[in-house]
Amino acid sequence: MTPLRTIWISAATLTALLALLLFAGIAKAGTYEVRACDGSGINRAFVVSGTAMVAANGSCNASQGGMQVRNSVGSGKAPSFSWGALEARAPEGTVITAVRGKLTAFDDLESKSPEGWRAGFADDLGYRFCGMLSSCATGSAPRLPLSLSGLTTARLRLIVVCVRSAGCPRSAIRAKTTLSNVVLELRDDAKPSISAASGMLAASDEWLSGSQQGSFAASDASGIRSASIKVDGVDKSIVAHRCDR
């Protein structure tokens, strides 16, 4: 995203504008939150990935408990390691550091074998809830608070996978997990860039008086919260942007 805003400032800010362009270190990174399937009913973070043998729905359907991933129902078996997920990826230059939400899950832990349909919640390092080796609740879907912190990951997945070597039955829903009221915390390690200075304040080599026009472009993979010009540490012009929360 590259917001471009025109701002009117006095000629006294010319030095500050040039310094801003020459020393991009003044641009600051930070942290922010992304919300999904909260009271607004909007999924701003998770997208569908995986195979057709697993049904993933990111529509925040309240009647199904929020976003949902489950094995598909039909004839025959799903091949081994068929999987599907709702996946949240951190924008370039950022990492996901925490997630909070409400989770439901159950899966098919067969009585004589650890193989079958499995449900879980994972990051890049592995499962954080349920998953390949430990079962979720069997035959029911309790609503559990999900709260993970101290993460440094580029991806989170709400996932269902078939781990049976001979394939998994599709005659009924045997694994399902839902997620709602999600808050992702992200850390932006990449500084924004500043470019495309224009207007008399950038073009003129002479002293200027009165009010003169100046503008610049600021870009960042995560977006720009605000852009400002300071003179002696005092804000002279600020452009703020509403964040997608």
Protein backbone atom coordinates (compact mmCIF):
# COMPACT_ATOMS: atom_id res chain seq x y z
CA MET A 1 0.00 0.00 0.00
CA THR A 2 1.41 3.38 -0.96
CA PRO A 3 -0.61 6.28 0.45
CA LEU A 4 0.20 9.61 -1.20
CA ARG A 5 -1.01 12.72 0.56
CA THR A 6 -0.51 16.41 -0.23
CA ILE A 7 0.20 18.60 2.79
CA TRP A 8 0.52 22.37 3.10
CA ILE A 9 3.42 23.54 5.24
CA SER A 10 5.45 26.68 5.69
CA ALA A 11 8.82 27.20 4.02
CA ALA A 12 10.49 26.74 7.39
CA THR A 13 9.85 23.00 7.08
CA LEU A 14 11.95 22.57 3.93
CA THR A 15 14.98 21.46 5.90
CA ALA A 16 12.89 18.93 7.82
CA LEU A 17 11.41 17.53 4.62
CA LEU A 18 14.82 17.03 3.05
CA ALA A 19 16.14 15.43 6.21
CA LEU A 20 13.17 13.08 6.23
CA LEU A 21 13.98 11.94 2.70
CA LEU A 22 17.73 11.64 3.24
CA PHE A 23 17.56 9.78 6.53
CA ALA A 24 14.94 7.08 6.15
CA GLY A 25 15.89 5.77 9.60
CA ILE A 26 13.37 8.21 11.01
CA ALA A 27 10.66 5.93 9.65
CA LYS A 28 9.55 3.63 12.46
CA ALA A 29 8.25 0.09 12.50
CA GLY A 30 5.90 -1.13 15.21
CA THR A 31 3.24 -3.61 16.27
CA TYR A 32 -0.41 -3.95 15.37
CA GLU A 33 -3.43 -6.24 15.71
CA VAL A 34 -5.67 -7.90 13.14
CA ARG A 35 -9.12 -9.13 14.19
CA ALA A 36 -11.07 -11.90 12.49
CA CYS A 37 -14.61 -13.16 13.04
CA ASP A 38 -15.31 -10.95 16.04
CA GLY A 39 -18.52 -9.00 16.56
CA SER A 40 -18.19 -7.46 13.09
CA GLY A 41 -18.46 -10.91 11.48
CA ILE A 42 -15.59 -10.14 9.10
CA ASN A 43 -12.62 -12.44 8.44
CA ARG A 44 -9.64 -10.16 7.81
CA ALA A 45 -6.88 -12.71 8.16
CA PHE A 46 -7.52 -16.35 7.18
CA VAL A 47 -7.69 -17.83 3.67
CA VAL A 48 -8.46 -21.36 2.45
CA SER A 49 -5.67 -23.75 1.45
CA GLY A 50 -5.35 -27.51 0.97
CA THR A 51 -7.18 -30.24 -0.95
CA ALA A 52 -10.78 -30.87 -1.96
CA MET A 53 -11.08 -33.75 0.53
CA VAL A 54 -11.22 -31.22 3.38
CA ALA A 55 -13.83 -28.47 3.50
CA ALA A 56 -12.61 -25.11 4.81
CA ASN A 57 -14.97 -22.18 5.27
CA GLY A 58 -13.67 -18.77 6.29
CA SER A 59 -17.02 -16.95 6.24
CA CYS A 60 -17.38 -16.42 10.03
CA ASN A 61 -20.74 -18.24 10.07
CA ALA A 62 -22.03 -17.79 13.62
CA SER A 63 -24.21 -20.90 13.42
CA GLN A 64 -21.17 -23.10 12.74
CA GLY A 65 -19.04 -21.51 15.46
CA GLY A 66 -17.05 -19.13 13.26
CA MET A 67 -14.50 -20.16 10.65
CA GLN A 68 -14.61 -23.92 10.14
CA VAL A 69 -12.41 -26.72 8.79
CA ARG A 70 -13.70 -30.32 8.57
CA ASN A 71 -13.30 -33.46 6.50
CA SER A 72 -15.56 -33.53 3.45
CA VAL A 73 -18.44 -36.03 3.37
CA GLY A 74 -19.00 -38.43 0.47
CA SER A 75 -18.34 -41.91 -0.82
CA GLY A 76 -15.04 -43.76 -0.60
CA LYS A 77 -11.95 -42.65 1.27
CA ALA A 78 -9.73 -39.61 1.26
CA PRO A 79 -6.12 -40.39 0.31
CA SER A 80 -3.54 -40.44 3.07
CA PHE A 81 -2.38 -36.96 4.06
CA SER A 82 -5.31 -35.21 2.45
CA TRP A 83 -5.51 -31.92 4.30
CA GLY A 84 -7.21 -28.56 4.35
CA ALA A 85 -6.75 -25.45 6.40
CA LEU A 86 -7.62 -21.86 7.05
CA GLU A 87 -4.28 -20.08 6.99
CA ALA A 88 -3.18 -16.67 8.25
CA ARG A 89 0.08 -15.38 6.78
CA ALA A 90 2.03 -12.44 8.12
CA PRO A 91 2.73 -9.75 5.49
CA GLU A 92 6.29 -9.51 4.24
CA GLY A 93 8.56 -8.00 6.85
CA THR A 94 6.34 -8.96 9.79
CA VAL A 95 5.90 -11.92 12.13
CA ILE A 96 2.93 -13.14 14.16
CA THR A 97 3.79 -12.92 17.86
CA ALA A 98 0.51 -13.93 19.55
CA VAL A 99 -3.02 -15.16 18.87
CA ARG A 100 -6.15 -15.14 21.00
CA GLY A 101 -9.55 -16.56 20.17
CA LYS A 102 -12.22 -19.17 20.84
CA LEU A 103 -11.68 -22.66 19.47
CA THR A 104 -13.77 -25.80 19.08
CA ALA A 105 -12.34 -29.13 17.97
CA PHE A 106 -12.93 -32.85 17.79
CA ASP A 107 -11.36 -35.62 15.75
CA ASP A 108 -11.36 -39.34 15.09
CA LEU A 109 -8.88 -41.06 17.38
CA GLU A 110 -9.56 -44.71 16.65
CA SER A 111 -9.59 -47.04 19.64
CA LYS A 112 -6.96 -49.44 18.26
CA SER A 113 -4.83 -47.09 16.20
CA PRO A 114 -3.59 -43.49 16.43
CA GLU A 115 -4.34 -43.08 12.72
CA GLY A 116 -7.36 -41.34 11.24
CA TRP A 117 -8.68 -37.83 10.72
CA ARG A 118 -6.93 -35.30 12.96
CA ALA A 119 -7.72 -31.68 13.78
CA GLY A 120 -5.34 -29.08 15.13
CA PHE A 121 -3.97 -25.56 15.27
CA ALA A 122 -0.37 -25.06 14.15
CA ASP A 123 2.33 -22.52 13.43
CA ASP A 124 5.54 -22.90 11.43
CA LEU A 125 7.18 -24.91 14.22
CA GLY A 126 4.42 -27.48 14.67
CA TYR A 127 1.08 -28.11 16.36
CA ARG A 128 0.09 -25.85 19.22
CA PHE A 129 -3.23 -27.58 19.92
CA CYS A 130 -4.27 -31.19 19.20
CA GLY A 131 -2.67 -32.30 15.93
CA MET A 132 -0.91 -35.45 14.82
CA LEU A 133 -0.06 -37.17 18.10
CA SER A 134 -2.66 -36.04 20.62
CA SER A 135 -6.41 -36.23 20.16
CA CYS A 136 -8.94 -33.47 20.43
CA ALA A 137 -12.19 -34.16 22.27
CA THR A 138 -13.88 -37.24 20.83
CA GLY A 139 -17.51 -36.95 19.73
CA SER A 140 -18.06 -33.39 20.93
CA ALA A 141 -16.77 -29.91 20.26
CA PRO A 142 -16.12 -27.97 23.46
CA ARG A 143 -15.41 -24.26 23.12
CA LEU A 144 -11.94 -23.54 24.44
CA PRO A 145 -10.08 -20.27 24.94
CA LEU A 146 -7.04 -20.11 22.68
CA SER A 147 -4.20 -17.91 23.88
CA LEU A 148 -0.69 -18.28 22.49
CA SER A 149 2.09 -15.75 23.03
CA GLY A 150 5.83 -15.57 22.48
CA LEU A 151 5.46 -16.71 18.87
CA THR A 152 7.75 -15.72 16.01
CA THR A 153 6.01 -17.23 13.02
CA ALA A 154 4.98 -16.25 9.51
CA ARG A 155 1.96 -18.57 9.39
CA LEU A 156 -0.86 -20.00 11.48
CA ARG A 157 -3.17 -22.82 10.39
CA LEU A 158 -6.50 -24.17 11.57
CA ILE A 159 -6.12 -27.60 9.99
CA VAL A 160 -7.68 -31.04 9.43
CA VAL A 161 -5.56 -33.84 7.98
CA CYS A 162 -5.89 -37.56 7.21
CA VAL A 163 -2.95 -39.39 8.79
CA ARG A 164 -4.08 -42.96 8.07
CA SER A 165 -1.78 -44.70 5.58
CA ALA A 166 -4.73 -46.52 3.95
CA GLY A 167 -6.80 -43.36 3.65
CA CYS A 168 -9.63 -41.99 5.79
CA PRO A 169 -13.39 -42.64 5.56
CA ARG A 170 -15.69 -39.84 4.41
CA SER A 171 -19.04 -41.34 5.44
CA ALA A 172 -19.49 -38.77 8.22
CA ILE A 173 -17.83 -35.74 9.76
CA ARG A 174 -15.02 -37.26 11.78
CA ALA A 175 -12.86 -34.20 12.43
CA LYS A 176 -13.89 -30.58 12.73
CA THR A 177 -12.40 -27.44 14.23
CA THR A 178 -13.68 -23.86 14.38
CA LEU A 179 -12.17 -20.54 15.34
CA SER A 180 -13.84 -17.23 16.20
CA ASN A 181 -13.19 -13.94 18.02
CA VAL A 182 -9.60 -14.02 16.81
CA VAL A 183 -6.98 -11.39 17.55
CA LEU A 184 -3.60 -11.73 15.86
CA GLU A 185 -0.71 -9.65 17.18
CA LEU A 186 1.99 -8.86 14.62
CA ARG A 187 5.40 -7.23 14.88
CA ASP A 188 6.61 -5.22 11.90
CA ASP A 189 10.40 -5.47 11.71
CA ALA A 190 10.72 -3.75 8.32
CA LYS A 191 10.85 0.02 8.28
CA PRO A 192 8.61 1.88 5.83
CA SER A 193 10.17 3.74 2.90
CA ILE A 194 9.75 7.38 1.95
CA SER A 195 10.07 8.63 -1.62
CA ALA A 196 8.62 10.75 -4.43
CA ALA A 197 9.01 14.17 -2.85
CA SER A 198 7.25 16.83 -4.92
CA GLY A 199 6.00 20.40 -4.74
CA MET A 200 7.87 23.67 -4.37
CA LEU A 201 9.43 22.65 -1.07
CA ALA A 202 11.19 19.76 -2.78
CA ALA A 203 11.88 21.40 -6.16
CA SER A 204 13.07 24.88 -5.29
CA ASP A 205 16.69 25.76 -4.41
CA GLU A 206 15.67 29.22 -3.18
CA TRP A 207 14.35 30.47 0.13
CA LEU A 208 10.56 30.43 0.09
CA SER A 209 8.09 32.41 2.12
CA GLY A 210 4.47 31.95 3.08
CA SER A 211 2.74 28.62 2.62
CA GLN A 212 4.17 26.25 0.07
CA GLN A 213 3.07 22.84 -1.10
CA GLY A 214 5.04 19.68 -0.47
CA SER A 215 4.19 16.00 -0.68
CA PHE A 216 5.87 12.63 -0.43
CA ALA A 217 4.92 8.95 -0.74
CA ALA A 218 5.27 6.47 2.10
CA SER A 219 4.99 2.73 1.59
CA ASP A 220 5.08 -0.32 3.81
CA ALA A 221 3.98 -3.94 3.39
CA SER A 222 1.72 -3.63 6.45
CA GLY A 223 0.40 -0.16 5.65
CA ILE A 224 1.06 3.34 6.97
CA ARG A 225 -0.49 4.38 10.28
CA SER A 226 0.66 8.01 10.10
CA ALA A 227 3.09 10.31 8.29
CA SER A 228 4.34 13.58 9.73
CA ILE A 229 6.90 16.36 9.30
CA LYS A 230 8.61 17.79 12.36
CA VAL A 231 10.58 21.00 12.89
CA ASP A 232 12.81 20.97 15.97
CA GLY A 233 10.89 17.95 17.23
CA VAL A 234 7.49 19.62 16.87
CA ASP A 235 4.89 18.18 14.50
CA LYS A 236 4.02 20.65 11.74
CA SER A 237 1.90 18.37 9.60
CA ILE A 238 0.40 14.95 10.35
CA VAL A 239 -1.57 12.65 8.07
CA ALA A 240 -3.18 9.71 9.94
CA HIS A 241 -4.72 6.62 8.39
CA ARG A 242 -7.43 4.42 9.85
CA CYS A 243 -6.00 0.97 10.49
CA ASP A 244 -7.82 -2.23 9.52
CA ARG A 245 -8.49 -3.76 12.92
